[in-house]
Amino acid sequence: MGCIFMGWIFDDVFDIMEGNMKLRQSLFWDTNPDKIDLQKNARYVIERVMDFGNDEEARWIWNYYDKSLLKDVAEKSRDLRPRTKSLWTLLLQTQ
């Protein structure tokens, strides 16, 4: 059972590194997550994950998107909650 579990983890990590993150419906409640283009809708995805994402999703945007884009979204977004904006601005200061 341990091997199957570890294989599942490695498959998920590989998918995440390749950009194949499965977007949760609860994160994108106003649209169909299967129809979201990760490049065309990058700001939208980043804002939702910054505000409402879990640890895995936050790590995924950190690794998938360019840090300058993350910084730009954190600084300029009108939709992020103030606490979220402060946290991500602080995290991205040294990037």
PDB file of N, CA and C in Angstrom:
ATOM      1  N   MET A   1       0.822  -1.191   0.000  1.00  0.00           N
ATOM      2  CA  MET A   1       0.000   0.000   0.000  1.00  0.00           C
ATOM      3  C   MET A   1       0.866   1.254   0.000  1.00  0.00           C
ATOM      4  N   GLY A   2       1.999   1.213   0.698  1.00  0.00           N
ATOM      5  CA  GLY A   2       2.887   2.367   0.750  1.00  0.00           C
ATOM      6  C   GLY A   2       3.395   2.762  -0.632  1.00  0.00           C
ATOM      7  N   CYS A   3       3.700   1.768  -1.460  1.00  0.00           N
ATOM      8  CA  CYS A   3       4.208   2.063  -2.796  1.00  0.00           C
ATOM      9  C   CYS A   3       3.151   2.736  -3.666  1.00  0.00           C
ATOM     10  N   ILE A   4       1.919   2.248  -3.574  1.00  0.00           N
ATOM     11  CA  ILE A   4       0.850   2.852  -4.358  1.00  0.00           C
ATOM     12  C   ILE A   4       0.648   4.290  -3.910  1.00  0.00           C
ATOM     13  N   PHE A   5       0.649   4.488  -2.603  1.00  0.00           N
ATOM     14  CA  PHE A   5       0.481   5.835  -2.058  1.00  0.00           C
ATOM     15  C   PHE A   5       1.605   6.752  -2.538  1.00  0.00           C
ATOM     16  N   MET A   6       2.845   6.272  -2.471  1.00  0.00           N
ATOM     17  CA  MET A   6       3.975   7.089  -2.900  1.00  0.00           C
ATOM     18  C   MET A   6       3.903   7.371  -4.395  1.00  0.00           C
ATOM     19  N   GLY A   7       3.485   6.394  -5.178  1.00  0.00           N
ATOM     20  CA  GLY A   7       3.340   6.621  -6.611  1.00  0.00           C
ATOM     21  C   GLY A   7       2.299   7.685  -6.901  1.00  0.00           C
ATOM     22  N   TRP A   8       1.225   7.657  -6.123  1.00  0.00           N
ATOM     23  CA  TRP A   8       0.176   8.669  -6.270  1.00  0.00           C
ATOM     24  C   TRP A   8       0.727  10.047  -5.973  1.00  0.00           C
ATOM     25  N   ILE A   9       1.534  10.159  -4.933  1.00  0.00           N
ATOM     26  CA  ILE A   9       2.146  11.446  -4.588  1.00  0.00           C
ATOM     27  C   ILE A   9       3.068  11.894  -5.707  1.00  0.00           C
ATOM     28  N   PHE A  10       3.913  11.013  -6.201  1.00  0.00           N
ATOM     29  CA  PHE A  10       4.849  11.394  -7.250  1.00  0.00           C
ATOM     30  C   PHE A  10       4.121  11.782  -8.533  1.00  0.00           C
ATOM     31  N   ASP A  11       3.047  11.071  -8.856  1.00  0.00           N
ATOM     32  CA  ASP A  11       2.255  11.439 -10.037  1.00  0.00           C
ATOM     33  C   ASP A  11       1.666  12.827  -9.879  1.00  0.00           C
ATOM     34  N   ASP A  12       1.138  13.126  -8.694  1.00  0.00           N
ATOM     35  CA  ASP A  12       0.555  14.450  -8.451  1.00  0.00           C
ATOM     36  C   ASP A  12       1.620  15.534  -8.519  1.00  0.00           C
ATOM     37  N   VAL A  13       2.783  15.278  -7.931  1.00  0.00           N
ATOM     38  CA  VAL A  13       3.862  16.267  -7.970  1.00  0.00           C
ATOM     39  C   VAL A  13       4.287  16.493  -9.410  1.00  0.00           C
ATOM     40  N   PHE A  14       4.401  15.432 -10.196  1.00  0.00           N
ATOM     41  CA  PHE A  14       4.772  15.574 -11.601  1.00  0.00           C
ATOM     42  C   PHE A  14       3.729  16.406 -12.345  1.00  0.00           C
ATOM     43  N   ASP A  15       2.446  16.099 -12.135  1.00  0.00           N
ATOM     44  CA  ASP A  15       1.380  16.861 -12.795  1.00  0.00           C
ATOM     45  C   ASP A  15       1.444  18.326 -12.405  1.00  0.00           C
ATOM     46  N   ILE A  16       1.654  18.604 -11.140  1.00  0.00           N
ATOM     47  CA  ILE A  16       1.717  19.988 -10.676  1.00  0.00           C
ATOM     48  C   ILE A  16       2.907  20.697 -11.310  1.00  0.00           C
ATOM     49  N   MET A  17       4.042  20.033 -11.386  1.00  0.00           N
ATOM     50  CA  MET A  17       5.226  20.660 -11.987  1.00  0.00           C
ATOM     51  C   MET A  17       5.003  20.915 -13.472  1.00  0.00           C
ATOM     52  N   GLU A  18       4.231  20.078 -14.119  1.00  0.00           N
ATOM     53  CA  GLU A  18       3.950  20.242 -15.537  1.00  0.00           C
ATOM     54  C   GLU A  18       2.835  21.255 -15.791  1.00  0.00           C
ATOM     55  N   GLY A  19       2.245  21.772 -14.731  1.00  0.00           N
ATOM     56  CA  GLY A  19       1.185  22.749 -14.885  1.00  0.00           C
ATOM     57  C   GLY A  19      -0.198  22.149 -14.946  1.00  0.00           C
ATOM     58  N   ASN A  20      -0.314  20.880 -14.613  1.00  0.00           N
ATOM     59  CA  ASN A  20      -1.598  20.202 -14.707  1.00  0.00           C
ATOM     60  C   ASN A  20      -2.325  20.179 -13.361  1.00  0.00           C
ATOM     61  N   MET A  21      -2.405  21.297 -12.714  1.00  0.00           N
ATOM     62  CA  MET A  21      -3.091  21.371 -11.434  1.00  0.00           C
ATOM     63  C   MET A  21      -4.588  21.230 -11.643  1.00  0.00           C
ATOM     64  N   LYS A  22      -5.220  20.377 -10.869  1.00  0.00           N
ATOM     65  CA  LYS A  22      -6.682  20.228 -10.925  1.00  0.00           C
ATOM     66  C   LYS A  22      -7.274  21.356 -10.099  1.00  0.00           C
ATOM     67  N   LEU A  23      -8.024  22.228 -10.757  1.00  0.00           N
ATOM     68  CA  LEU A  23      -8.623  23.378 -10.083  1.00  0.00           C
ATOM     69  C   LEU A  23      -9.923  22.958  -9.401  1.00  0.00           C
ATOM     70  N   ARG A  24     -10.053  23.283  -8.123  1.00  0.00           N
ATOM     71  CA  ARG A  24     -11.244  22.911  -7.363  1.00  0.00           C
ATOM     72  C   ARG A  24     -12.439  23.780  -7.748  1.00  0.00           C
ATOM     73  N   GLN A  25     -13.597  23.164  -7.836  1.00  0.00           N
ATOM     74  CA  GLN A  25     -14.832  23.890  -8.136  1.00  0.00           C
ATOM     75  C   GLN A  25     -15.109  24.929  -7.051  1.00  0.00           C
ATOM     76  N   SER A  26     -14.830  24.606  -5.800  1.00  0.00           N
ATOM     77  CA  SER A  26     -15.106  25.543  -4.705  1.00  0.00           C
ATOM     78  C   SER A  26     -14.225  26.790  -4.789  1.00  0.00           C
ATOM     79  N   LEU A  27     -13.103  26.689  -5.449  1.00  0.00           N
ATOM     80  CA  LEU A  27     -12.215  27.832  -5.624  1.00  0.00           C
ATOM     81  C   LEU A  27     -12.714  28.734  -6.764  1.00  0.00           C
ATOM     82  N   PHE A  28     -13.327  28.119  -7.747  1.00  0.00           N
ATOM     83  CA  PHE A  28     -13.845  28.853  -8.906  1.00  0.00           C
ATOM     84  C   PHE A  28     -15.347  28.608  -8.990  1.00  0.00           C
ATOM     85  N   TRP A  29     -16.048  29.080  -7.984  1.00  0.00           N
ATOM     86  CA  TRP A  29     -17.476  28.835  -7.832  1.00  0.00           C
ATOM     87  C   TRP A  29     -18.328  29.478  -8.926  1.00  0.00           C
ATOM     88  N   ASP A  30     -17.799  30.483  -9.602  1.00  0.00           N
ATOM     89  CA  ASP A  30     -18.587  31.226 -10.576  1.00  0.00           C
ATOM     90  C   ASP A  30     -18.347  30.801 -12.020  1.00  0.00           C
ATOM     91  N   THR A  31     -17.562  29.768 -12.209  1.00  0.00           N
ATOM     92  CA  THR A  31     -17.257  29.301 -13.565  1.00  0.00           C
ATOM     93  C   THR A  31     -16.907  27.823 -13.538  1.00  0.00           C
ATOM     94  N   ASN A  32     -16.798  27.216 -14.689  1.00  0.00           N
ATOM     95  CA  ASN A  32     -16.389  25.827 -14.804  1.00  0.00           C
ATOM     96  C   ASN A  32     -14.863  25.777 -14.807  1.00  0.00           C
ATOM     97  N   PRO A  33     -14.241  25.188 -13.773  1.00  0.00           N
ATOM     98  CA  PRO A  33     -12.774  25.162 -13.706  1.00  0.00           C
ATOM     99  C   PRO A  33     -12.112  24.458 -14.885  1.00  0.00           C
ATOM    100  N   ASP A  34     -12.816  23.532 -15.519  1.00  0.00           N
ATOM    101  CA  ASP A  34     -12.246  22.810 -16.660  1.00  0.00           C
ATOM    102  C   ASP A  34     -12.079  23.707 -17.885  1.00  0.00           C
ATOM    103  N   LYS A  35     -12.755  24.836 -17.912  1.00  0.00           N
ATOM    104  CA  LYS A  35     -12.682  25.742 -19.060  1.00  0.00           C
ATOM    105  C   LYS A  35     -11.719  26.910 -18.840  1.00  0.00           C
ATOM    106  N   ILE A  36     -11.024  26.918 -17.707  1.00  0.00           N
ATOM    107  CA  ILE A  36     -10.087  28.000 -17.404  1.00  0.00           C
ATOM    108  C   ILE A  36      -8.756  27.724 -18.085  1.00  0.00           C
ATOM    109  N   ASP A  37      -8.285  28.683 -18.851  1.00  0.00           N
ATOM    110  CA  ASP A  37      -6.970  28.603 -19.484  1.00  0.00           C
ATOM    111  C   ASP A  37      -5.963  29.214 -18.508  1.00  0.00           C
ATOM    112  N   LEU A  38      -4.982  28.425 -18.074  1.00  0.00           N
ATOM    113  CA  LEU A  38      -4.039  28.869 -17.044  1.00  0.00           C
ATOM    114  C   LEU A  38      -3.170  30.042 -17.482  1.00  0.00           C
ATOM    115  N   GLN A  39      -2.997  30.234 -18.785  1.00  0.00           N
ATOM    116  CA  GLN A  39      -2.210  31.361 -19.285  1.00  0.00           C
ATOM    117  C   GLN A  39      -3.093  32.579 -19.532  1.00  0.00           C
ATOM    118  N   LYS A  40      -4.165  32.372 -20.273  1.00  0.00           N
ATOM    119  CA  LYS A  40      -5.054  33.492 -20.594  1.00  0.00           C
ATOM    120  C   LYS A  40      -5.737  34.063 -19.354  1.00  0.00           C
ATOM    121  N   ASN A  41      -6.046  33.208 -18.411  1.00  0.00           N
ATOM    122  CA  ASN A  41      -6.750  33.617 -17.199  1.00  0.00           C
ATOM    123  C   ASN A  41      -5.826  33.628 -15.979  1.00  0.00           C
ATOM    124  N   ALA A  42      -4.554  33.889 -16.205  1.00  0.00           N
ATOM    125  CA  ALA A  42      -3.557  33.808 -15.137  1.00  0.00           C
ATOM    126  C   ALA A  42      -3.884  34.709 -13.944  1.00  0.00           C
ATOM    127  N   ARG A  43      -4.228  35.960 -14.188  1.00  0.00           N
ATOM    128  CA  ARG A  43      -4.527  36.881 -13.083  1.00  0.00           C
ATOM    129  C   ARG A  43      -5.703  36.387 -12.250  1.00  0.00           C
ATOM    130  N   TYR A  44      -6.726  35.902 -12.924  1.00  0.00           N
ATOM    131  CA  TYR A  44      -7.917  35.374 -12.258  1.00  0.00           C
ATOM    132  C   TYR A  44      -7.551  34.173 -11.382  1.00  0.00           C
ATOM    133  N   VAL A  45      -6.787  33.239 -11.938  1.00  0.00           N
ATOM    134  CA  VAL A  45      -6.364  32.049 -11.199  1.00  0.00           C
ATOM    135  C   VAL A  45      -5.515  32.454 -10.005  1.00  0.00           C
ATOM    136  N   ILE A  46      -4.550  33.331 -10.223  1.00  0.00           N
ATOM    137  CA  ILE A  46      -3.649  33.764  -9.151  1.00  0.00           C
ATOM    138  C   ILE A  46      -4.425  34.438  -8.027  1.00  0.00           C
ATOM    139  N   GLU A  47      -5.348  35.332  -8.364  1.00  0.00           N
ATOM    140  CA  GLU A  47      -6.141  36.014  -7.338  1.00  0.00           C
ATOM    141  C   GLU A  47      -6.950  35.030  -6.508  1.00  0.00           C
ATOM    142  N   ARG A  48      -7.596  34.093  -7.163  1.00  0.00           N
ATOM    143  CA  ARG A  48      -8.411  33.126  -6.428  1.00  0.00           C
ATOM    144  C   ARG A  48      -7.556  32.257  -5.513  1.00  0.00           C
ATOM    145  N   VAL A  49      -6.421  31.802  -6.020  1.00  0.00           N
ATOM    146  CA  VAL A  49      -5.556  30.950  -5.199  1.00  0.00           C
ATOM    147  C   VAL A  49      -4.935  31.758  -4.065  1.00  0.00           C
ATOM    148  N   MET A  50      -4.506  32.977  -4.333  1.00  0.00           N
ATOM    149  CA  MET A  50      -3.947  33.811  -3.269  1.00  0.00           C
ATOM    150  C   MET A  50      -4.961  34.029  -2.148  1.00  0.00           C
ATOM    151  N   ASP A  51      -6.200  34.281  -2.510  1.00  0.00           N
ATOM    152  CA  ASP A  51      -7.234  34.594  -1.526  1.00  0.00           C
ATOM    153  C   ASP A  51      -7.843  33.365  -0.861  1.00  0.00           C
ATOM    154  N   PHE A  52      -8.082  32.300  -1.630  1.00  0.00           N
ATOM    155  CA  PHE A  52      -8.867  31.182  -1.114  1.00  0.00           C
ATOM    156  C   PHE A  52      -8.213  29.816  -1.262  1.00  0.00           C
ATOM    157  N   GLY A  53      -7.014  29.768  -1.831  1.00  0.00           N
ATOM    158  CA  GLY A  53      -6.366  28.484  -2.085  1.00  0.00           C
ATOM    159  C   GLY A  53      -5.792  27.841  -0.842  1.00  0.00           C
ATOM    160  N   ASN A  54      -5.570  26.534  -0.942  1.00  0.00           N
ATOM    161  CA  ASN A  54      -4.919  25.806   0.151  1.00  0.00           C
ATOM    162  C   ASN A  54      -3.402  25.829  -0.057  1.00  0.00           C
ATOM    163  N   ASP A  55      -2.665  25.181   0.829  1.00  0.00           N
ATOM    164  CA  ASP A  55      -1.205  25.190   0.746  1.00  0.00           C
ATOM    165  C   ASP A  55      -0.689  24.629  -0.579  1.00  0.00           C
ATOM    166  N   GLU A  56      -1.284  23.534  -1.017  1.00  0.00           N
ATOM    167  CA  GLU A  56      -0.837  22.902  -2.267  1.00  0.00           C
ATOM    168  C   GLU A  56      -1.049  23.847  -3.457  1.00  0.00           C
ATOM    169  N   GLU A  57      -2.172  24.515  -3.495  1.00  0.00           N
ATOM    170  CA  GLU A  57      -2.476  25.435  -4.597  1.00  0.00           C
ATOM    171  C   GLU A  57      -1.567  26.657  -4.547  1.00  0.00           C
ATOM    172  N   ALA A  58      -1.288  27.140  -3.351  1.00  0.00           N
ATOM    173  CA  ALA A  58      -0.379  28.278  -3.206  1.00  0.00           C
ATOM    174  C   ALA A  58       1.025  27.905  -3.676  1.00  0.00           C
ATOM    175  N   ARG A  59       1.493  26.711  -3.315  1.00  0.00           N
ATOM    176  CA  ARG A  59       2.806  26.250  -3.786  1.00  0.00           C
ATOM    177  C   ARG A  59       2.813  26.112  -5.304  1.00  0.00           C
ATOM    178  N   TRP A  60       1.690  25.651  -5.845  1.00  0.00           N
ATOM    179  CA  TRP A  60       1.615  25.470  -7.284  1.00  0.00           C
ATOM    180  C   TRP A  60       1.744  26.807  -8.015  1.00  0.00           C
ATOM    181  N   ILE A  61       0.995  27.841  -7.600  1.00  0.00           N
ATOM    182  CA  ILE A  61       1.139  29.126  -8.304  1.00  0.00           C
ATOM    183  C   ILE A  61       2.541  29.684  -8.112  1.00  0.00           C
ATOM    184  N   TRP A  62       3.141  29.455  -6.952  1.00  0.00           N
ATOM    185  CA  TRP A  62       4.495  29.930  -6.667  1.00  0.00           C
ATOM    186  C   TRP A  62       5.491  29.322  -7.659  1.00  0.00           C
ATOM    187  N   ASN A  63       5.312  28.053  -7.969  1.00  0.00           N
ATOM    188  CA  ASN A  63       6.229  27.354  -8.877  1.00  0.00           C
ATOM    189  C   ASN A  63       5.845  27.488 -10.350  1.00  0.00           C
ATOM    190  N   TYR A  64       4.580  27.663 -10.636  1.00  0.00           N
ATOM    191  CA  TYR A  64       4.116  27.668 -12.021  1.00  0.00           C
ATOM    192  C   TYR A  64       4.236  29.039 -12.683  1.00  0.00           C
ATOM    193  N   TYR A  65       3.854  30.090 -11.981  1.00  0.00           N
ATOM    194  CA  TYR A  65       3.848  31.432 -12.561  1.00  0.00           C
ATOM    195  C   TYR A  65       5.130  32.193 -12.218  1.00  0.00           C
ATOM    196  N   ASP A  66       5.487  33.099 -13.100  1.00  0.00           N
ATOM    197  CA  ASP A  66       6.652  33.949 -12.909  1.00  0.00           C
ATOM    198  C   ASP A  66       6.446  34.838 -11.678  1.00  0.00           C
ATOM    199  N   LYS A  67       7.497  35.001 -10.890  1.00  0.00           N
ATOM    200  CA  LYS A  67       7.386  35.799  -9.656  1.00  0.00           C
ATOM    201  C   LYS A  67       7.005  37.245  -9.931  1.00  0.00           C
ATOM    202  N   SER A  68       7.434  37.790 -11.060  1.00  0.00           N
ATOM    203  CA  SER A  68       7.067  39.172 -11.384  1.00  0.00           C
ATOM    204  C   SER A  68       5.562  39.299 -11.621  1.00  0.00           C
ATOM    205  N   LEU A  69       4.939  38.275 -12.204  1.00  0.00           N
ATOM    206  CA  LEU A  69       3.495  38.284 -12.394  1.00  0.00           C
ATOM    207  C   LEU A  69       2.781  38.173 -11.043  1.00  0.00           C
ATOM    208  N   LEU A  70       3.255  37.284 -10.182  1.00  0.00           N
ATOM    209  CA  LEU A  70       2.664  37.157  -8.847  1.00  0.00           C
ATOM    210  C   LEU A  70       2.753  38.473  -8.081  1.00  0.00           C
ATOM    211  N   LYS A  71       3.909  39.107  -8.163  1.00  0.00           N
ATOM    212  CA  LYS A  71       4.114  40.384  -7.478  1.00  0.00           C
ATOM    213  C   LYS A  71       3.182  41.456  -8.032  1.00  0.00           C
ATOM    214  N   ASP A  72       3.057  41.495  -9.334  1.00  0.00           N
ATOM    215  CA  ASP A  72       2.186  42.475  -9.989  1.00  0.00           C
ATOM    216  C   ASP A  72       0.725  42.279  -9.559  1.00  0.00           C
ATOM    217  N   VAL A  73       0.277  41.040  -9.529  1.00  0.00           N
ATOM    218  CA  VAL A  73      -1.096  40.747  -9.101  1.00  0.00           C
ATOM    219  C   VAL A  73      -1.282  41.146  -7.638  1.00  0.00           C
ATOM    220  N   ALA A  74      -0.337  40.782  -6.786  1.00  0.00           N
ATOM    221  CA  ALA A  74      -0.453  41.104  -5.363  1.00  0.00           C
ATOM    222  C   ALA A  74      -0.497  42.608  -5.129  1.00  0.00           C
ATOM    223  N   GLU A  75       0.271  43.355  -5.874  1.00  0.00           N
ATOM    224  CA  GLU A  75       0.341  44.805  -5.672  1.00  0.00           C
ATOM    225  C   GLU A  75      -0.831  45.563  -6.301  1.00  0.00           C
ATOM    226  N   LYS A  76      -1.324  45.091  -7.436  1.00  0.00           N
ATOM    227  CA  LYS A  76      -2.295  45.879  -8.203  1.00  0.00           C
ATOM    228  C   LYS A  76      -3.733  45.376  -8.156  1.00  0.00           C
ATOM    229  N   SER A  77      -3.956  44.191  -7.638  1.00  0.00           N
ATOM    230  CA  SER A  77      -5.303  43.633  -7.640  1.00  0.00           C
ATOM    231  C   SER A  77      -6.253  44.443  -6.768  1.00  0.00           C
ATOM    232  N   ARG A  78      -7.436  44.675  -7.292  1.00  0.00           N
ATOM    233  CA  ARG A  78      -8.487  45.346  -6.522  1.00  0.00           C
ATOM    234  C   ARG A  78      -9.391  44.330  -5.834  1.00  0.00           C
ATOM    235  N   ASP A  79      -9.207  43.061  -6.176  1.00  0.00           N
ATOM    236  CA  ASP A  79     -10.085  42.011  -5.652  1.00  0.00           C
ATOM    237  C   ASP A  79      -9.538  41.279  -4.434  1.00  0.00           C
ATOM    238  N   LEU A  80      -8.235  41.353  -4.209  1.00  0.00           N
ATOM    239  CA  LEU A  80      -7.657  40.645  -3.069  1.00  0.00           C
ATOM    240  C   LEU A  80      -8.038  41.319  -1.758  1.00  0.00           C
ATOM    241  N   ARG A  81      -8.267  40.491  -0.746  1.00  0.00           N
ATOM    242  CA  ARG A  81      -8.528  41.018   0.587  1.00  0.00           C
ATOM    243  C   ARG A  81      -7.244  41.676   1.109  1.00  0.00           C
ATOM    244  N   PRO A  82      -7.362  42.706   1.933  1.00  0.00           N
ATOM    245  CA  PRO A  82      -6.175  43.417   2.431  1.00  0.00           C
ATOM    246  C   PRO A  82      -5.143  42.513   3.112  1.00  0.00           C
ATOM    247  N   ARG A  83      -5.597  41.563   3.917  1.00  0.00           N
ATOM    248  CA  ARG A  83      -4.643  40.645   4.578  1.00  0.00           C
ATOM    249  C   ARG A  83      -3.905  39.774   3.566  1.00  0.00           C
ATOM    250  N   THR A  84      -4.634  39.324   2.572  1.00  0.00           N
ATOM    251  CA  THR A  84      -4.021  38.501   1.522  1.00  0.00           C
ATOM    252  C   THR A  84      -2.984  39.314   0.765  1.00  0.00           C
ATOM    253  N   LYS A  85      -3.352  40.514   0.411  1.00  0.00           N
ATOM    254  CA  LYS A  85      -2.451  41.408  -0.321  1.00  0.00           C
ATOM    255  C   LYS A  85      -1.175  41.654   0.482  1.00  0.00           C
ATOM    256  N   SER A  86      -1.303  41.907   1.769  1.00  0.00           N
ATOM    257  CA  SER A  86      -0.141  42.148   2.638  1.00  0.00           C
ATOM    258  C   SER A  86       0.758  40.919   2.724  1.00  0.00           C
ATOM    259  N   LEU A  87       0.151  39.746   2.911  1.00  0.00           N
ATOM    260  CA  LEU A  87       0.931  38.516   3.018  1.00  0.00           C
ATOM    261  C   LEU A  87       1.729  38.255   1.749  1.00  0.00           C
ATOM    262  N   TRP A  88       1.075  38.294   0.594  1.00  0.00           N
ATOM    263  CA  TRP A  88       1.751  37.984  -0.652  1.00  0.00           C
ATOM    264  C   TRP A  88       2.774  39.061  -1.031  1.00  0.00           C
ATOM    265  N   THR A  89       2.501  40.296  -0.714  1.00  0.00           N
ATOM    266  CA  THR A  89       3.474  41.359  -0.973  1.00  0.00           C
ATOM    267  C   THR A  89       4.731  41.100  -0.141  1.00  0.00           C
ATOM    268  N   LEU A  90       4.535  40.717   1.113  1.00  0.00           N
ATOM    269  CA  LEU A  90       5.675  40.404   1.991  1.00  0.00           C
ATOM    270  C   LEU A  90       6.449  39.191   1.476  1.00  0.00           C
ATOM    271  N   LEU A  91       5.740  38.133   1.093  1.00  0.00           N
ATOM    272  CA  LEU A  91       6.395  36.929   0.581  1.00  0.00           C
ATOM    273  C   LEU A  91       7.199  37.199  -0.689  1.00  0.00           C
ATOM    274  N   LEU A  92       6.733  38.127  -1.493  1.00  0.00           N
ATOM    275  CA  LEU A  92       7.356  38.391  -2.790  1.00  0.00           C
ATOM    276  C   LEU A  92       8.376  39.523  -2.768  1.00  0.00           C
ATOM    277  N   GLN A  93       8.624  40.132  -1.610  1.00  0.00           N
ATOM    278  CA  GLN A  93       9.570  41.247  -1.512  1.00  0.00           C
ATOM    279  C   GLN A  93      10.967  40.864  -1.968  1.00  0.00           C
ATOM    280  N   THR A  94      11.415  39.684  -1.622  1.00  0.00           N
ATOM    281  CA  THR A  94      12.784  39.286  -1.931  1.00  0.00           C
ATOM    282  C   THR A  94      12.901  38.580  -3.279  1.00  0.00           C
ATOM    283  N   GLN A  95      11.808  38.443  -3.982  1.00  0.00           N
ATOM    284  CA  GLN A  95      11.838  37.712  -5.260  1.00  0.00           C
ATOM    285  C   GLN A  95      12.149  38.630  -6.409  1.00  0.00           C
TER     286      GLN A  95
END
